[in-house]
Amino acid sequence: MTKPFRLETKDLAEKLYVELMSRNIVFADNAVKTAVSSENVAKLCFILAETFLHVQDDLNADNLPKDPTFKLGADDIAGWMK
């Protein structure tokens, strides 16, 4: 069983889907035509969104606190003044 997608993945995938499908739809002869499979585009959008968010997480990892349990106290600040 695969892990469920994060909510951010779904939101980004929806935006990508709308953008990609809007570029591939043609209105002609009282019909809507597309050269691509909408299901394949949806799958691709989820893959792209997951990849994008994974790269974003990797880039942000360098900016996260290295010791999240550290509590800044008055003694720590006083030590900076010496």
C-alpha atoms as a PDB file:
ATOM      1  CA  MET A   1       0.000   0.000   0.000  1.00  0.00           C
ATOM      2  CA  THR A   2       1.368   3.412  -0.899  1.00  0.00           C
ATOM      3  CA  LYS A   3       1.432   6.278   1.538  1.00  0.00           C
ATOM      4  CA  PRO A   4      -1.348   8.881   1.246  1.00  0.00           C
ATOM      5  CA  PHE A   5      -0.537  12.158  -0.450  1.00  0.00           C
ATOM      6  CA  ARG A   6      -0.114  15.287   1.658  1.00  0.00           C
ATOM      7  CA  LEU A   7      -2.816  17.932   1.294  1.00  0.00           C
ATOM      8  CA  GLU A   8      -0.245  20.302  -0.240  1.00  0.00           C
ATOM      9  CA  THR A   9       0.428  17.694  -2.951  1.00  0.00           C
ATOM     10  CA  LYS A  10      -3.243  17.590  -3.899  1.00  0.00           C
ATOM     11  CA  ASP A  11      -3.512  21.380  -4.024  1.00  0.00           C
ATOM     12  CA  LEU A  12      -0.419  21.735  -6.210  1.00  0.00           C
ATOM     13  CA  ALA A  13      -1.490  18.831  -8.434  1.00  0.00           C
ATOM     14  CA  GLU A  14      -4.871  20.500  -9.008  1.00  0.00           C
ATOM     15  CA  LYS A  15      -3.201  23.748 -10.060  1.00  0.00           C
ATOM     16  CA  LEU A  16      -0.860  21.909 -12.408  1.00  0.00           C
ATOM     17  CA  TYR A  17      -3.775  19.924 -13.860  1.00  0.00           C
ATOM     18  CA  VAL A  18      -5.816  23.027 -14.607  1.00  0.00           C
ATOM     19  CA  GLU A  19      -2.824  24.696 -16.233  1.00  0.00           C
ATOM     20  CA  LEU A  20      -1.832  21.708 -18.360  1.00  0.00           C
ATOM     21  CA  MET A  21      -5.360  20.799 -19.427  1.00  0.00           C
ATOM     22  CA  SER A  22      -6.237  24.390 -20.299  1.00  0.00           C
ATOM     23  CA  ARG A  23      -3.317  24.361 -22.744  1.00  0.00           C
ATOM     24  CA  ASN A  24      -4.459  21.118 -24.393  1.00  0.00           C
ATOM     25  CA  ILE A  25      -8.203  21.621 -24.839  1.00  0.00           C
ATOM     26  CA  VAL A  26      -9.677  22.697 -28.154  1.00  0.00           C
ATOM     27  CA  PHE A  27     -13.284  23.769 -28.612  1.00  0.00           C
ATOM     28  CA  ALA A  28     -14.431  22.884 -32.125  1.00  0.00           C
ATOM     29  CA  ASP A  29     -17.583  21.652 -33.842  1.00  0.00           C
ATOM     30  CA  ASN A  30     -19.678  21.978 -30.671  1.00  0.00           C
ATOM     31  CA  ALA A  31     -17.316  19.600 -28.868  1.00  0.00           C
ATOM     32  CA  VAL A  32     -14.369  19.658 -26.508  1.00  0.00           C
ATOM     33  CA  LYS A  33     -11.306  17.875 -27.840  1.00  0.00           C
ATOM     34  CA  THR A  34      -7.996  17.114 -26.226  1.00  0.00           C
ATOM     35  CA  ALA A  35      -4.919  15.367 -27.567  1.00  0.00           C
ATOM     36  CA  VAL A  36      -3.961  13.958 -24.178  1.00  0.00           C
ATOM     37  CA  SER A  37      -5.651  11.626 -21.731  1.00  0.00           C
ATOM     38  CA  SER A  38      -7.062  13.607 -18.815  1.00  0.00           C
ATOM     39  CA  GLU A  39      -6.406  10.656 -16.483  1.00  0.00           C
ATOM     40  CA  ASN A  40      -2.748  10.476 -17.535  1.00  0.00           C
ATOM     41  CA  VAL A  41      -2.377  14.223 -17.037  1.00  0.00           C
ATOM     42  CA  ALA A  42      -3.873  13.921 -13.544  1.00  0.00           C
ATOM     43  CA  LYS A  43      -1.425  11.138 -12.640  1.00  0.00           C
ATOM     44  CA  LEU A  44       1.459  13.171 -14.027  1.00  0.00           C
ATOM     45  CA  CYS A  45       0.379  16.208 -11.992  1.00  0.00           C
ATOM     46  CA  PHE A  46       0.452  14.211  -8.765  1.00  0.00           C
ATOM     47  CA  ILE A  47       3.922  12.896  -9.585  1.00  0.00           C
ATOM     48  CA  LEU A  48       5.177  16.386 -10.442  1.00  0.00           C
ATOM     49  CA  ALA A  49       3.637  17.918  -7.320  1.00  0.00           C
ATOM     50  CA  GLU A  50       5.078  15.230  -5.048  1.00  0.00           C
ATOM     51  CA  THR A  51       8.521  15.667  -6.607  1.00  0.00           C
ATOM     52  CA  PHE A  52       8.358  19.455  -6.296  1.00  0.00           C
ATOM     53  CA  LEU A  53       7.355  19.309  -2.619  1.00  0.00           C
ATOM     54  CA  HIS A  54      10.029  16.685  -1.880  1.00  0.00           C
ATOM     55  CA  VAL A  55      12.723  18.964  -3.352  1.00  0.00           C
ATOM     56  CA  GLN A  56      11.291  21.905  -1.389  1.00  0.00           C
ATOM     57  CA  ASP A  57      11.500  19.865   1.835  1.00  0.00           C
ATOM     58  CA  ASP A  58      15.120  18.952   1.075  1.00  0.00           C
ATOM     59  CA  LEU A  59      16.040  22.581   0.448  1.00  0.00           C
ATOM     60  CA  ASN A  60      14.266  23.731   3.602  1.00  0.00           C
ATOM     61  CA  ALA A  61      15.942  21.062   5.751  1.00  0.00           C
ATOM     62  CA  ASP A  62      19.112  23.184   5.859  1.00  0.00           C
ATOM     63  CA  ASN A  63      17.114  26.077   7.329  1.00  0.00           C
ATOM     64  CA  LEU A  64      15.377  24.124  10.095  1.00  0.00           C
ATOM     65  CA  PRO A  65      16.642  24.168  13.690  1.00  0.00           C
ATOM     66  CA  LYS A  66      19.309  21.545  14.318  1.00  0.00           C
ATOM     67  CA  ASP A  67      18.185  20.966  17.927  1.00  0.00           C
ATOM     68  CA  PRO A  68      14.410  21.514  18.127  1.00  0.00           C
ATOM     69  CA  THR A  69      14.401  20.695  21.865  1.00  0.00           C
ATOM     70  CA  PHE A  70      16.682  23.659  22.691  1.00  0.00           C
ATOM     71  CA  LYS A  71      15.009  26.271  24.896  1.00  0.00           C
ATOM     72  CA  LEU A  72      16.479  29.757  24.887  1.00  0.00           C
ATOM     73  CA  GLY A  73      16.812  31.049  28.419  1.00  0.00           C
ATOM     74  CA  ALA A  74      17.947  34.275  30.085  1.00  0.00           C
ATOM     75  CA  ASP A  75      21.278  32.632  30.982  1.00  0.00           C
ATOM     76  CA  ASP A  76      21.960  31.953  27.305  1.00  0.00           C
ATOM     77  CA  ILE A  77      21.329  35.583  26.351  1.00  0.00           C
ATOM     78  CA  ALA A  78      23.467  36.828  29.254  1.00  0.00           C
ATOM     79  CA  GLY A  79      26.324  34.729  27.931  1.00  0.00           C
ATOM     80  CA  TRP A  80      26.252  36.644  24.650  1.00  0.00           C
ATOM     81  CA  MET A  81      27.035  39.924  26.407  1.00  0.00           C
ATOM     82  CA  LYS A  82      30.422  38.823  27.757  1.00  0.00           C
END
